[in-house]
Amino acid sequence: MSINYSELLGAEKANLLLNHSSKTIDKSMIHLPSSDFVSEIWSQSNRNIPTLRSLQQLYGNGRLGNTGYMSILPVDQGIEHSAGASFAPNPIYFDSENIVKLAMEAGCNAVASTYGVLGSVARKYAHKIPFIVKINHNEFLSKPNTYDQVMFGTIKSAWEMGAVAVGATIYFGSAESRRQLVQVAEAFEYAHQLGMTTILWCYLRNNEFKVDGIDYHASSDLTSQANHLGVTIQADIIKQKLPTNNGGYNATKHGKTHPKVYSELTTDHPIDLCRYQVANCYMGRAGLINSGGESKGASDLAEAIETAIINKRAGGQGLILGRKAFQKDFKEGVDMLNAVQDVYLDSKITIA
């Protein structure tokens, strides 16, 4: 698919994103995606040989295979947002097989979903596309609505169904975050022992991160610290929301930061805000993949392409995009995922 970025994003925004030169953290300091990223970066680490092989399976599959970039289809929203809310727009995805078919048809590196979804079709597909089993979820049926990630299965059962990787969420900043951190750290350690890659959804959740009507849940400084905690427990890949603002620490007046974070290491440019997220993933040693966000209809393609450009030019490693794809007609979903992948295949879009 040939994308006219000026036409899709508007000339002003296309210029803002495509011609930006970052003056904050120089690109020479980032461990950039490459065709042999596992050998160049991960072979220096403590990851065992089976885990290196799993990482290579993820980096080597799909349309972005062996580019250093990833396109992952995540469909765990049946729990996180309820099956009705997630699949009513296109009921074919109540059938777990169609989730895997969408990821395969679109040439994704991997499909991420629940124990139930992936287990139900494991014998048919686990050897055809890398499986990422999401091991914990926010159960969204109890009243009143509560927000807590709890384990839904075991690492051993994910391994037995042939999963290449496991994924988990921690709600950093929440009252439950320390329990979640301990649980996930232990789970990731066992996953590595079995040779599986680990991916962490590093999300923030605390009502006090909203100050004077401004929501800092996706601020660059707070999300970046969540990333840093994620790589500390040896997540191999970090999933994070694209920054929408900055100065969360200054607004909430908690924790600790430094003036240079705002005067030298970031600006208000979206690529610079995302680069700070990459920096907190050990300067790109652990890959940063940004989430695609909710489906809003007609604006989905432009939003997805914008996110992909920002992530790529910041030094990130791809997108994990779900609702913008599976809440559409199957072919539209494939086209959406392919359009995002095309950004990463476009040699004219380079690191800022």
Protein backbone atom coordinates (compact mmCIF):
# COMPACT_ATOMS: atom_id res chain seq x y z
CA MET A 1 0.00 0.00 0.00
CA SER A 2 1.42 3.36 -1.04
CA ILE A 3 0.61 6.03 1.56
CA ASN A 4 0.44 9.72 0.78
CA TYR A 5 1.33 11.01 4.24
CA SER A 6 0.55 14.65 3.48
CA GLU A 7 -2.87 13.72 2.18
CA LEU A 8 -3.65 11.36 5.07
CA LEU A 9 -2.25 13.43 7.96
CA GLY A 10 -2.42 16.91 6.48
CA ALA A 11 0.62 18.75 5.18
CA GLU A 12 1.40 20.50 8.47
CA LYS A 13 1.33 17.35 10.60
CA ALA A 14 3.20 15.30 7.99
CA ASN A 15 5.94 17.91 7.95
CA LEU A 16 6.02 18.02 11.76
CA LEU A 17 6.52 14.27 12.00
CA LEU A 18 8.55 13.38 8.92
CA ASN A 19 11.06 16.24 8.96
CA HIS A 20 11.74 16.52 12.69
CA SER A 21 15.36 16.22 13.81
CA SER A 22 15.62 15.33 17.49
CA LYS A 23 17.96 17.49 19.55
CA THR A 24 17.30 15.79 22.89
CA ILE A 25 18.74 12.26 23.13
CA ASP A 26 20.85 11.76 20.04
CA LYS A 27 19.99 8.79 17.84
CA SER A 28 23.60 7.60 18.12
CA MET A 29 22.85 6.72 21.76
CA ILE A 30 19.93 4.43 20.85
CA HIS A 31 20.30 0.72 20.14
CA LEU A 32 18.34 0.88 16.91
CA PRO A 33 16.28 -1.94 15.38
CA SER A 34 18.28 -4.02 12.91
CA SER A 35 18.02 -7.14 10.76
CA ASP A 36 19.96 -9.15 13.36
CA PHE A 37 18.84 -7.44 16.57
CA VAL A 38 18.82 -10.64 18.66
CA SER A 39 22.45 -11.44 17.86
CA GLU A 40 23.60 -7.84 18.17
CA ILE A 41 21.85 -6.99 21.44
CA TRP A 42 20.28 -9.94 23.22
CA SER A 43 23.20 -12.32 22.78
CA GLN A 44 25.09 -10.07 25.24
CA SER A 45 22.46 -10.63 27.93
CA ASN A 46 21.76 -13.36 30.49
CA ARG A 47 18.89 -14.75 28.40
CA ASN A 48 19.30 -18.48 27.82
CA ILE A 49 19.55 -20.02 24.36
CA PRO A 50 15.89 -21.12 24.14
CA THR A 51 14.81 -17.55 24.99
CA LEU A 52 17.09 -16.16 22.26
CA ARG A 53 15.46 -18.59 19.86
CA SER A 54 12.00 -17.40 20.94
CA LEU A 55 13.02 -13.78 20.47
CA GLN A 56 14.27 -14.62 16.99
CA GLN A 57 10.96 -16.32 16.17
CA LEU A 58 9.17 -13.08 17.01
CA TYR A 59 11.59 -10.81 15.16
CA GLY A 60 11.83 -13.17 12.20
CA ASN A 61 8.17 -13.74 11.38
CA GLY A 62 5.68 -11.94 9.13
CA ARG A 63 5.96 -9.02 6.74
CA LEU A 64 8.37 -7.26 9.11
CA GLY A 65 10.46 -10.39 9.60
CA ASN A 66 14.17 -9.66 10.17
CA THR A 67 13.78 -5.89 10.03
CA GLY A 68 14.06 -5.34 13.79
CA TYR A 69 10.44 -4.18 13.87
CA MET A 70 7.26 -5.87 15.05
CA SER A 71 3.58 -5.82 14.22
CA ILE A 72 1.54 -7.67 16.84
CA LEU A 73 -2.22 -8.26 16.91
CA PRO A 74 -3.42 -8.15 20.55
CA VAL A 75 -6.92 -9.39 21.34
CA ASP A 76 -7.41 -9.67 25.09
CA GLN A 77 -10.17 -7.06 25.16
CA GLY A 78 -12.84 -9.73 25.59
CA ILE A 79 -11.83 -9.72 29.25
CA GLU A 80 -10.39 -6.25 29.68
CA HIS A 81 -13.36 -4.43 28.09
CA SER A 82 -15.96 -7.27 27.94
CA ALA A 83 -16.59 -9.54 24.99
CA GLY A 84 -19.77 -7.69 24.02
CA ALA A 85 -18.10 -4.28 23.94
CA SER A 86 -15.15 -5.67 22.01
CA PHE A 87 -16.71 -8.03 19.48
CA ALA A 88 -20.18 -6.62 18.82
CA PRO A 89 -18.78 -4.38 16.04
CA ASN A 90 -17.70 -7.57 14.20
CA PRO A 91 -19.12 -10.75 15.79
CA ILE A 92 -16.86 -13.12 13.81
CA TYR A 93 -14.23 -12.51 16.48
CA PHE A 94 -16.31 -14.27 19.13
CA ASP A 95 -14.81 -17.29 17.30
CA SER A 96 -11.25 -17.51 18.53
CA GLU A 97 -9.95 -18.96 15.27
CA ASN A 98 -10.72 -15.74 13.39
CA ILE A 99 -8.41 -13.81 15.70
CA VAL A 100 -5.48 -16.00 14.68
CA LYS A 101 -6.55 -15.94 11.03
CA LEU A 102 -6.51 -12.12 11.03
CA ALA A 103 -2.98 -12.01 12.41
CA MET A 104 -1.77 -14.56 9.85
CA GLU A 105 -3.51 -12.98 6.87
CA ALA A 106 -2.08 -9.58 7.80
CA GLY A 107 1.45 -10.95 8.11
CA CYS A 108 1.87 -10.02 11.77
CA ASN A 109 4.94 -11.10 13.69
CA ALA A 110 2.71 -12.66 16.35
CA VAL A 111 -0.77 -12.86 17.85
CA ALA A 112 -1.34 -12.00 21.52
CA SER A 113 -4.44 -13.24 23.30
CA THR A 114 -5.81 -15.15 26.27
CA TYR A 115 -5.19 -18.69 27.45
CA GLY A 116 -8.66 -19.59 26.20
CA VAL A 117 -8.37 -18.08 22.74
CA LEU A 118 -4.94 -19.46 21.91
CA GLY A 119 -5.46 -22.78 23.68
CA SER A 120 -8.63 -23.44 21.72
CA VAL A 121 -6.77 -23.52 18.40
CA ALA A 122 -3.21 -24.30 19.52
CA ARG A 123 -2.79 -27.61 17.70
CA LYS A 124 -3.84 -26.02 14.43
CA TYR A 125 -1.87 -22.77 14.58
CA ALA A 126 0.88 -22.68 17.25
CA HIS A 127 3.46 -23.87 14.71
CA LYS A 128 2.28 -21.41 12.04
CA ILE A 129 2.44 -18.07 13.88
CA PRO A 130 4.11 -17.18 17.20
CA PHE A 131 1.67 -17.20 20.13
CA ILE A 132 1.89 -14.63 22.94
CA VAL A 133 -0.25 -15.72 25.89
CA LYS A 134 -1.55 -12.86 28.06
CA ILE A 135 -1.26 -14.32 31.55
CA ASN A 136 -3.15 -11.73 33.64
CA HIS A 137 -6.20 -9.54 33.15
CA ASN A 138 -8.49 -7.03 34.77
CA GLU A 139 -11.67 -9.08 35.34
CA PHE A 140 -14.38 -6.63 34.36
CA LEU A 141 -17.62 -8.15 35.67
CA SER A 142 -17.59 -7.46 39.41
CA LYS A 143 -19.69 -4.60 40.73
CA PRO A 144 -18.62 -1.91 41.37
CA ASN A 145 -16.07 -1.79 38.56
CA THR A 146 -12.64 -2.55 39.94
CA TYR A 147 -9.23 -2.41 38.29
CA ASP A 148 -6.78 -5.10 39.29
CA GLN A 149 -4.67 -7.47 37.21
CA VAL A 150 -4.97 -11.06 38.38
CA MET A 151 -3.39 -14.26 37.04
CA PHE A 152 -5.58 -16.38 34.78
CA GLY A 153 -3.36 -19.43 34.31
CA THR A 154 0.15 -20.79 34.61
CA ILE A 155 3.36 -20.24 32.69
CA LYS A 156 3.68 -23.99 32.25
CA SER A 157 0.33 -24.23 30.46
CA ALA A 158 1.33 -21.38 28.12
CA TRP A 159 4.54 -23.24 27.33
CA GLU A 160 2.68 -26.51 26.79
CA MET A 161 0.41 -24.95 24.17
CA GLY A 162 3.52 -23.94 22.22
CA ALA A 163 3.60 -20.24 23.09
CA VAL A 164 6.73 -18.37 22.07
CA ALA A 165 6.08 -15.59 24.60
CA VAL A 166 3.96 -14.48 27.52
CA GLY A 167 2.58 -11.03 28.16
CA ALA A 168 1.37 -9.38 31.35
CA THR A 169 0.10 -6.05 32.61
CA ILE A 170 1.12 -4.14 35.70
CA TYR A 171 -0.96 -1.15 36.78
CA PHE A 172 1.95 0.95 38.03
CA GLY A 173 0.93 3.54 40.59
CA SER A 174 -2.11 1.57 41.77
CA ALA A 175 -2.61 0.23 45.29
CA GLU A 176 -2.18 -3.28 43.89
CA SER A 177 0.94 -2.56 41.84
CA ARG A 178 3.49 -4.03 44.23
CA ARG A 179 1.68 -7.37 44.41
CA GLN A 180 1.33 -7.37 40.63
CA LEU A 181 5.02 -6.52 40.25
CA VAL A 182 6.09 -9.46 42.43
CA GLN A 183 3.69 -11.87 40.67
CA VAL A 184 4.76 -10.84 37.19
CA ALA A 185 8.48 -10.80 38.03
CA GLU A 186 8.21 -14.39 39.30
CA ALA A 187 6.19 -15.44 36.25
CA PHE A 188 8.68 -13.82 33.86
CA GLU A 189 11.59 -15.55 35.57
CA TYR A 190 9.93 -18.94 35.08
CA ALA A 191 9.01 -18.06 31.48
CA HIS A 192 12.66 -17.31 30.75
CA GLN A 193 13.70 -20.60 32.35
CA LEU A 194 11.37 -22.34 29.87
CA GLY A 195 12.75 -20.28 26.99
CA MET A 196 9.88 -17.87 26.38
CA THR A 197 10.07 -14.17 25.58
CA THR A 198 8.42 -11.77 28.06
CA ILE A 199 6.35 -8.71 27.13
CA LEU A 200 5.06 -6.23 29.69
CA TRP A 201 2.09 -3.90 29.28
CA CYS A 202 3.46 -1.00 31.43
CA TYR A 203 0.28 0.90 32.20
CA LEU A 204 -0.42 3.52 34.86
CA ARG A 205 -3.54 3.64 37.02
CA ASN A 206 -4.13 6.06 39.87
CA ASN A 207 -6.83 8.71 40.14
CA GLU A 208 -4.24 11.09 41.60
CA PHE A 209 -2.47 11.11 38.23
CA LYS A 210 -5.26 13.47 37.14
CA VAL A 211 -4.48 16.99 38.33
CA ASP A 212 -6.48 20.19 37.69
CA GLY A 213 -8.42 18.54 34.89
CA ILE A 214 -5.31 17.21 33.10
CA ASP A 215 -4.75 13.46 32.82
CA TYR A 216 -1.11 12.43 33.20
CA HIS A 217 -1.63 8.67 32.81
CA ALA A 218 0.11 8.91 29.43
CA SER A 219 2.68 11.58 30.31
CA SER A 220 6.15 10.92 28.95
CA ASP A 221 7.91 11.12 32.31
CA LEU A 222 5.54 8.82 34.25
CA THR A 223 5.15 6.23 31.47
CA SER A 224 8.91 6.22 30.96
CA GLN A 225 9.48 5.37 34.62
CA ALA A 226 6.95 2.55 34.24
CA ASN A 227 9.03 1.33 31.30
CA HIS A 228 12.15 1.46 33.45
CA LEU A 229 10.47 -0.66 36.11
CA GLY A 230 9.38 -3.08 33.39
CA VAL A 231 12.87 -3.68 32.04
CA THR A 232 14.10 -4.00 35.61
CA ILE A 233 12.07 -7.20 36.01
CA GLN A 234 13.58 -8.35 32.69
CA ALA A 235 10.72 -7.76 30.29
CA ASP A 236 12.22 -8.29 26.84
CA ILE A 237 9.70 -6.03 25.12
CA ILE A 238 7.74 -3.13 26.60
CA LYS A 239 4.24 -2.20 25.48
CA GLN A 240 3.34 1.38 26.31
CA LYS A 241 0.83 4.02 25.32
CA LEU A 242 2.15 6.83 23.16
CA PRO A 243 2.81 9.93 25.31
CA THR A 244 0.11 12.58 25.17
CA ASN A 245 1.78 15.15 27.45
CA ASN A 246 4.64 15.56 29.93
CA GLY A 247 5.35 16.87 33.41
CA GLY A 248 3.41 14.26 35.34
CA TYR A 249 5.88 14.26 38.22
CA ASN A 250 5.76 18.04 38.50
CA ALA A 251 1.97 18.06 38.52
CA THR A 252 1.42 15.22 41.00
CA LYS A 253 4.30 16.37 43.23
CA HIS A 254 5.16 12.80 44.17
CA GLY A 255 8.17 10.61 43.50
CA LYS A 256 11.33 12.23 42.20
CA THR A 257 12.52 13.70 38.91
CA HIS A 258 15.15 16.14 37.61
CA PRO A 259 14.81 19.50 35.80
CA LYS A 260 16.96 18.26 32.90
CA VAL A 261 14.28 15.69 32.04
CA TYR A 262 12.19 18.62 30.82
CA SER A 263 14.86 21.14 29.75
CA GLU A 264 17.25 18.82 27.86
CA LEU A 265 15.93 15.25 27.52
CA THR A 266 12.45 16.08 26.20
CA THR A 267 10.56 18.76 24.30
CA ASP A 268 6.86 18.99 23.54
CA HIS A 269 7.41 17.29 20.16
CA PRO A 270 5.71 13.85 20.09
CA ILE A 271 8.83 12.11 18.73
CA ASP A 272 10.99 13.52 21.54
CA LEU A 273 8.41 12.47 24.14
CA CYS A 274 8.45 8.94 22.74
CA ARG A 275 12.25 8.90 22.56
CA TYR A 276 12.36 9.42 26.33
CA GLN A 277 10.25 6.26 26.62
CA VAL A 278 12.81 4.43 24.46
CA ALA A 279 15.66 5.77 26.61
CA ASN A 280 14.04 4.23 29.67
CA CYS A 281 14.07 0.83 27.95
CA TYR A 282 17.87 0.76 28.36
CA MET A 283 18.28 3.02 25.32
CA GLY A 284 16.43 0.54 23.13
CA ARG A 285 18.06 -2.69 24.31
CA ALA A 286 14.52 -3.76 25.22
CA GLY A 287 12.15 -2.97 22.38
CA LEU A 288 9.42 -0.35 22.82
CA ILE A 289 6.17 -1.11 21.04
CA ASN A 290 3.38 1.44 21.35
CA SER A 291 -0.30 0.55 21.52
CA GLY A 292 -2.75 1.41 18.78
CA GLY A 293 -5.56 2.56 21.04
CA GLU A 294 -9.31 2.35 20.66
CA SER A 295 -11.20 2.35 17.39
CA LYS A 296 -12.82 5.70 16.60
CA GLY A 297 -13.99 4.93 13.07
CA ALA A 298 -12.99 7.13 10.16
CA SER A 299 -9.89 8.56 11.86
CA ASP A 300 -8.38 5.14 12.70
CA LEU A 301 -6.02 4.89 9.73
CA ALA A 302 -4.56 8.37 10.20
CA GLU A 303 -4.13 7.80 13.95
CA ALA A 304 -2.44 4.44 13.43
CA ILE A 305 -0.06 5.80 10.81
CA GLU A 306 0.78 8.80 12.99
CA THR A 307 1.56 6.52 15.94
CA ALA A 308 3.73 4.28 13.76
CA ILE A 309 5.74 7.20 12.41
CA ILE A 310 6.32 8.61 15.90
CA ASN A 311 7.35 5.23 17.28
CA LYS A 312 9.71 4.44 14.40
CA ARG A 313 11.37 7.85 14.28
CA ALA A 314 11.78 7.85 18.07
CA GLY A 315 13.68 4.55 17.96
CA GLY A 316 10.85 2.21 18.90
CA GLN A 317 10.31 -1.23 17.47
CA GLY A 318 6.72 -1.33 16.32
CA LEU A 319 3.02 -1.26 17.06
CA ILE A 320 0.70 -3.61 18.90
CA LEU A 321 -2.62 -2.71 17.30
CA GLY A 322 -5.89 -4.50 18.00
CA ARG A 323 -9.26 -2.73 18.11
CA LYS A 324 -8.53 -0.54 15.09
CA ALA A 325 -8.18 -3.81 13.13
CA PHE A 326 -10.55 -6.42 14.57
CA GLN A 327 -13.51 -4.09 15.08
CA LYS A 328 -13.73 -3.73 11.30
CA ASP A 329 -14.55 -5.99 8.38
CA PHE A 330 -11.88 -8.71 8.06
CA LYS A 331 -10.32 -7.27 4.89
CA GLU A 332 -10.35 -3.76 6.33
CA GLY A 333 -8.57 -5.12 9.37
CA VAL A 334 -5.91 -6.73 7.20
CA ASP A 335 -5.48 -3.49 5.25
CA MET A 336 -5.12 -1.51 8.50
CA LEU A 337 -2.39 -3.79 9.83
CA ASN A 338 -0.61 -3.80 6.46
CA ALA A 339 -0.68 0.01 6.31
CA VAL A 340 1.02 0.23 9.71
CA GLN A 341 3.60 -2.35 8.63
CA ASP A 342 4.28 -0.33 5.50
CA VAL A 343 5.49 2.57 7.65
CA TYR A 344 8.17 0.31 9.10
CA LEU A 345 9.04 -1.01 5.63
CA ASP A 346 9.36 2.53 4.22
CA SER A 347 13.11 3.23 4.01
CA LYS A 348 12.40 6.96 3.62
CA ILE A 349 11.09 7.13 7.20
CA THR A 350 14.24 7.16 9.31
CA ILE A 351 15.26 7.70 12.93
CA ALA A 352 14.92 11.36 13.92
